[in-house]
């Protein structure tokens, strides 16, 4: 709601696979339960798109879903008029280090992209389906300027990214980064690899000193030394907020001046910093 005043081109709605938890019963034994976030991605996507009249990009993940479940989700999204999806593999469940697809599911997001592209051409899992309607999904995928954490090197990661594009992706949105030179090198490498779709840079304003530890650990990205030095010297939360907004504002202006197709802001539940950046740039 706070960002709707800026009339964003779209709003992303994230997705998380269900998790297994063990709860202690009164008799002391542990009970296994499956927990999924509620309301889910599809419900929130419809709510946002039709409450605020802003297009939504619904995240769809391979984790925890088989091909039939993914098709069902896509049919629901299409029925609701939500035509923008970001196809992701998804992270392993909490406590797990390795991603393992469910039976009948996908190991790579490129496979999900292919399935969505098939629906766009009217090809469903049930090949005998009568009067199959084509969908009209715009398919986005993720790119990692500092490489995916599981990739052996950036070159191999870009090969995998090209496979996603060749499978039907229409655009790429990057993981957050804090040094624009990283993005420019990444775009150049993608173009040399034959990737021609738009590559949208992803940015996030730093909001606390804690981000210096949690963001690299969680998202596997680096901070420039200059930014680390500024944040380390700051003593008040307001000062840290100002540094984060200023840095992100400079990034945004530079990216747009150098021809970036647009900018994707990661709010992570904290919209005020992003609002400050947008006010400074537009």
Protein backbone atom coordinates (compact mmCIF):
# COMPACT_ATOMS: atom_id res chain seq x y z
CA UNK A 1 0.00 0.00 0.00
CA UNK A 2 2.84 2.40 0.87
CA UNK A 3 4.46 1.98 -2.55
CA UNK A 4 1.28 2.01 -4.64
CA UNK A 5 1.40 5.83 -4.75
CA UNK A 6 4.42 5.54 -7.07
CA UNK A 7 2.44 3.46 -9.58
CA UNK A 8 5.03 0.68 -9.92
CA UNK A 9 5.07 -1.27 -13.17
CA UNK A 10 4.59 -4.48 -11.19
CA UNK A 11 4.79 -6.02 -7.73
CA UNK A 12 6.37 -9.40 -7.09
CA UNK A 13 4.73 -11.90 -4.75
CA UNK A 14 7.16 -14.48 -3.39
CA UNK A 15 6.61 -18.19 -2.85
CA UNK A 16 7.88 -20.70 -0.31
CA UNK A 17 7.57 -24.44 -0.33
CA UNK A 18 5.82 -26.25 2.49
CA UNK A 19 7.93 -27.30 5.44
CA UNK A 20 7.82 -30.25 7.78
CA UNK A 21 7.84 -29.44 11.50
CA UNK A 22 7.73 -31.67 14.55
CA UNK A 23 5.50 -30.57 17.42
CA UNK A 24 5.58 -32.11 20.87
CA UNK A 25 2.31 -33.73 21.95
CA UNK A 26 1.01 -33.79 25.55
CA UNK A 27 2.29 -37.36 25.89
CA UNK A 28 5.82 -36.23 25.00
CA UNK A 29 5.90 -37.79 21.55
CA UNK A 30 6.64 -35.71 18.45
CA UNK A 31 3.97 -35.21 15.82
CA UNK A 32 5.00 -34.59 12.22
CA UNK A 33 3.10 -31.78 10.50
CA UNK A 34 3.34 -30.11 7.11
CA UNK A 35 3.13 -26.32 7.22
CA UNK A 36 2.53 -23.98 4.28
CA UNK A 37 2.30 -20.19 4.42
CA UNK A 38 -1.29 -18.91 4.33
CA UNK A 39 -2.65 -17.11 2.44
CA UNK A 40 -0.58 -18.39 -0.44
CA UNK A 41 1.03 -16.75 -3.43
CA UNK A 42 -1.97 -17.08 -5.74
CA UNK A 43 -4.43 -15.54 -3.27
CA UNK A 44 -2.10 -12.65 -2.43
CA UNK A 45 -1.36 -12.05 -6.11
CA UNK A 46 -5.05 -11.73 -6.94
CA UNK A 47 -5.68 -9.52 -3.90
CA UNK A 48 -2.89 -7.08 -4.81
CA UNK A 49 -3.61 -6.97 -8.53
CA UNK A 50 -7.32 -6.27 -8.14
CA UNK A 51 -7.19 -4.11 -5.00
CA UNK A 52 -4.49 -1.73 -6.23
CA UNK A 53 -4.83 -2.26 -9.98
CA UNK A 54 -1.11 -2.99 -10.25
CA UNK A 55 0.16 -5.94 -12.32
CA UNK A 56 1.57 -8.73 -10.20
CA UNK A 57 4.46 -11.07 -10.92
CA UNK A 58 3.68 -14.31 -9.10
CA UNK A 59 6.65 -16.43 -8.11
CA UNK A 60 6.35 -20.10 -8.98
CA UNK A 61 8.87 -22.55 -7.56
CA UNK A 62 9.84 -26.12 -8.34
CA UNK A 63 10.37 -26.97 -4.68
CA UNK A 64 7.62 -29.01 -3.06
CA UNK A 65 5.45 -29.30 -6.19
CA UNK A 66 5.18 -31.90 -8.94
CA UNK A 67 4.33 -31.17 -12.57
CA UNK A 68 0.59 -31.63 -12.07
CA UNK A 69 0.52 -29.28 -9.09
CA UNK A 70 2.50 -26.69 -11.04
CA UNK A 71 0.08 -26.93 -13.95
CA UNK A 72 -2.86 -26.54 -11.56
CA UNK A 73 -1.26 -23.40 -10.11
CA UNK A 74 -0.67 -21.99 -13.58
CA UNK A 75 -4.25 -22.71 -14.63
CA UNK A 76 -5.48 -20.86 -11.52
CA UNK A 77 -3.24 -17.88 -12.22
CA UNK A 78 -4.41 -17.77 -15.82
CA UNK A 79 -8.06 -17.98 -14.74
CA UNK A 80 -7.49 -15.03 -12.39
CA UNK A 81 -5.94 -12.93 -15.15
CA UNK A 82 -2.45 -13.00 -13.65
CA UNK A 83 -0.18 -13.32 -16.66
CA UNK A 84 3.26 -12.57 -15.21
CA UNK A 85 5.27 -15.28 -13.47
CA UNK A 86 8.82 -15.60 -12.20
CA UNK A 87 9.99 -19.19 -12.59
CA UNK A 88 12.39 -20.29 -9.85
CA UNK A 89 13.80 -23.51 -8.53
CA UNK A 90 13.41 -22.30 -4.97
CA UNK A 91 15.57 -22.83 -1.91
CA UNK A 92 15.85 -26.07 0.05
CA UNK A 93 13.53 -26.25 3.08
CA UNK A 94 14.83 -24.79 6.34
CA UNK A 95 17.45 -27.04 7.84
CA UNK A 96 18.29 -28.70 4.51
CA UNK A 97 21.45 -27.91 2.57
CA UNK A 98 20.61 -29.65 -0.70
CA UNK A 99 17.64 -29.12 -2.99
CA UNK A 100 15.77 -32.33 -3.71
CA UNK A 101 12.76 -32.26 -6.06
CA UNK A 102 9.60 -34.10 -5.10
CA UNK A 103 8.63 -37.18 -7.10
CA UNK A 104 7.44 -35.99 -10.48
CA UNK A 105 8.88 -32.53 -9.88
CA UNK A 106 11.69 -30.52 -11.43
CA UNK A 107 15.31 -30.15 -10.42
CA UNK A 108 15.96 -27.07 -12.56
CA UNK A 109 13.91 -23.94 -13.17
CA UNK A 110 14.52 -24.29 -16.92
CA UNK A 111 12.19 -27.30 -16.83
CA UNK A 112 9.49 -25.17 -15.23
CA UNK A 113 10.04 -22.50 -17.89
CA UNK A 114 9.50 -25.15 -20.56
CA UNK A 115 6.24 -26.23 -18.94
CA UNK A 116 4.95 -22.66 -18.82
CA UNK A 117 6.01 -22.13 -22.42
CA UNK A 118 4.13 -25.29 -23.38
CA UNK A 119 0.95 -23.90 -21.82
CA UNK A 120 1.46 -20.70 -23.81
CA UNK A 121 1.30 -22.90 -26.90
CA UNK A 122 -1.73 -24.83 -25.65
CA UNK A 123 0.19 -27.96 -24.69
CA UNK A 124 -0.97 -29.44 -21.37
CA UNK A 125 0.25 -32.50 -19.47
CA UNK A 126 -2.92 -34.30 -20.54
CA UNK A 127 -2.32 -34.55 -24.26
CA UNK A 128 -5.91 -35.70 -24.80
CA UNK A 129 -7.39 -32.56 -23.28
CA UNK A 130 -10.19 -31.22 -25.46
CA UNK A 131 -10.40 -27.52 -26.36
CA UNK A 132 -7.09 -26.75 -24.65
CA UNK A 133 -6.65 -23.00 -24.35
CA UNK A 134 -3.35 -21.22 -24.78
CA UNK A 135 -2.12 -19.16 -21.85
CA UNK A 136 -0.33 -15.85 -22.25
CA UNK A 137 2.28 -15.85 -19.50
CA UNK A 138 5.22 -13.48 -19.55
CA UNK A 139 8.00 -15.57 -18.03
CA UNK A 140 10.79 -14.12 -15.92
CA UNK A 141 13.80 -15.94 -14.50
CA UNK A 142 16.53 -15.10 -12.00
CA UNK A 143 20.10 -14.14 -12.86
CA UNK A 144 23.05 -13.96 -10.48
CA UNK A 145 25.70 -11.32 -11.31
CA UNK A 146 27.95 -12.80 -8.61
CA UNK A 147 26.92 -16.36 -9.63
CA UNK A 148 24.51 -18.73 -7.93
CA UNK A 149 25.88 -20.16 -4.70
CA UNK A 150 25.80 -23.70 -6.14
CA UNK A 151 27.44 -22.85 -9.47
CA UNK A 152 31.14 -23.76 -9.84
CA UNK A 153 31.84 -20.47 -11.63
CA UNK A 154 30.08 -17.56 -13.31
CA UNK A 155 30.67 -18.91 -16.81
CA UNK A 156 28.81 -22.13 -16.02
CA UNK A 157 26.06 -20.17 -14.29
CA UNK A 158 25.53 -18.04 -17.41
CA UNK A 159 25.32 -21.22 -19.50
CA UNK A 160 22.49 -22.39 -17.24
CA UNK A 161 20.85 -18.97 -17.52
CA UNK A 162 20.97 -19.14 -21.32
CA UNK A 163 19.27 -22.53 -21.12
CA UNK A 164 16.44 -20.90 -19.17
CA UNK A 165 16.11 -18.21 -21.82
CA UNK A 166 16.25 -20.76 -24.64
CA UNK A 167 13.49 -22.68 -22.85
CA UNK A 168 11.17 -19.70 -23.18
CA UNK A 169 12.02 -17.00 -20.61
CA UNK A 170 11.22 -13.46 -21.71
CA UNK A 171 13.38 -11.50 -19.27
CA UNK A 172 15.86 -11.81 -16.41
CA UNK A 173 15.77 -10.08 -13.03
CA UNK A 174 19.01 -10.16 -11.07
CA UNK A 175 19.86 -10.97 -7.51
CA UNK A 176 20.58 -7.85 -5.49
CA UNK A 177 24.03 -6.31 -5.85
CA UNK A 178 25.72 -3.26 -4.36
CA UNK A 179 28.35 -2.47 -6.98
CA UNK A 180 27.02 -1.50 -10.41
CA UNK A 181 30.24 -2.64 -12.07
CA UNK A 182 29.20 -6.19 -11.15
CA UNK A 183 25.95 -5.75 -13.09
CA UNK A 184 27.63 -4.23 -16.14
CA UNK A 185 30.16 -7.08 -16.33
CA UNK A 186 27.34 -9.58 -15.96
CA UNK A 187 25.29 -8.02 -18.76
CA UNK A 188 28.33 -7.97 -21.06
CA UNK A 189 29.02 -11.64 -20.32
CA UNK A 190 25.38 -12.55 -20.97
CA UNK A 191 25.36 -10.72 -24.30
CA UNK A 192 28.56 -12.48 -25.36
CA UNK A 193 26.88 -15.79 -24.46
CA UNK A 194 24.00 -14.99 -26.80
CA UNK A 195 21.43 -13.89 -24.21
CA UNK A 196 19.40 -11.05 -25.74
CA UNK A 197 16.40 -10.65 -23.40
CA UNK A 198 16.14 -7.66 -21.01
CA UNK A 199 18.19 -7.98 -17.81
CA UNK A 200 16.55 -6.02 -14.99
CA UNK A 201 18.89 -5.05 -12.12
CA UNK A 202 17.78 -5.85 -8.57
CA UNK A 203 18.59 -3.42 -5.74
CA UNK A 204 18.00 -3.18 -2.01
CA UNK A 205 18.68 -0.26 0.35
CA UNK A 206 20.69 -1.30 3.40
CA UNK A 207 18.66 -0.75 6.57
CA UNK A 208 20.86 -1.89 9.45
CA UNK A 209 24.37 -2.95 10.40
CA UNK A 210 23.00 -6.45 10.77
CA UNK A 211 22.56 -6.48 6.99
CA UNK A 212 26.35 -6.51 6.65
CA UNK A 213 26.34 -10.05 8.01
CA UNK A 214 22.96 -11.45 7.00
CA UNK A 215 22.80 -10.33 3.36
CA UNK A 216 26.13 -11.90 2.24
CA UNK A 217 25.31 -15.04 4.21
CA UNK A 218 21.78 -15.37 2.83
CA UNK A 219 22.15 -14.08 -0.72
CA UNK A 220 25.86 -14.75 -1.39
CA UNK A 221 26.72 -11.24 -2.53
CA UNK A 222 29.57 -8.86 -1.66
CA UNK A 223 29.56 -5.33 -0.28
CA UNK A 224 31.95 -2.69 -1.66
CA UNK A 225 34.58 -1.61 0.87
CA UNK A 226 33.41 2.00 0.73
CA UNK A 227 29.87 1.05 1.74
CA UNK A 228 31.12 -1.20 4.54
CA UNK A 229 33.32 1.60 5.87
CA UNK A 230 30.45 4.11 5.87
CA UNK A 231 28.08 1.73 7.65
CA UNK A 232 30.71 0.66 10.19
CA UNK A 233 31.35 4.27 11.22
CA UNK A 234 27.64 5.05 11.61
CA UNK A 235 26.36 5.05 15.19
CA UNK A 236 22.66 5.81 14.83
CA UNK A 237 19.93 3.88 13.03
CA UNK A 238 18.78 7.03 11.20
CA UNK A 239 22.31 7.54 9.92
CA UNK A 240 22.48 3.94 8.68
CA UNK A 241 19.12 4.38 6.96
CA UNK A 242 20.37 7.56 5.26
CA UNK A 243 23.54 5.84 4.05
CA UNK A 244 21.56 2.91 2.66
CA UNK A 245 19.09 5.13 0.85
CA UNK A 246 21.82 7.38 -0.56
CA UNK A 247 23.88 4.45 -1.83
CA UNK A 248 20.86 2.80 -3.46
CA UNK A 249 19.80 6.13 -4.99
CA UNK A 250 23.22 6.57 -6.59
CA UNK A 251 23.04 3.02 -7.93
CA UNK A 252 19.58 3.59 -9.37
CA UNK A 253 20.44 6.84 -11.12
CA UNK A 254 23.62 5.37 -12.58
CA UNK A 255 21.85 2.24 -13.85
CA UNK A 256 19.07 4.20 -15.54
CA UNK A 257 21.60 6.62 -17.05
CA UNK A 258 23.45 3.64 -18.55
CA UNK A 259 20.36 2.16 -20.18
CA UNK A 260 19.06 -0.38 -17.67
CA UNK A 261 15.53 -1.38 -18.79
CA UNK A 262 14.12 -0.65 -15.32
CA UNK A 263 15.02 -1.33 -11.68
CA UNK A 264 13.60 -4.02 -9.43
CA UNK A 265 13.63 -3.11 -5.73
CA UNK A 266 13.72 -5.78 -3.04
CA UNK A 267 11.70 -4.47 -0.10
CA UNK A 268 11.90 -7.59 2.11
CA UNK A 269 8.99 -6.21 4.11
CA UNK A 270 10.56 -2.75 4.60
CA UNK A 271 8.96 -0.38 2.13
CA UNK A 272 9.98 2.98 3.62
CA UNK A 273 13.60 2.82 2.44
CA UNK A 274 12.53 1.94 -1.09
CA UNK A 275 9.99 4.78 -1.01
CA UNK A 276 12.79 7.19 -0.07
CA UNK A 277 14.92 5.98 -2.98
CA UNK A 278 12.06 6.35 -5.45
CA UNK A 279 11.33 9.89 -4.21
CA UNK A 280 14.98 10.79 -4.76
CA UNK A 281 15.11 9.36 -8.28
CA UNK A 282 11.81 10.27 -9.89
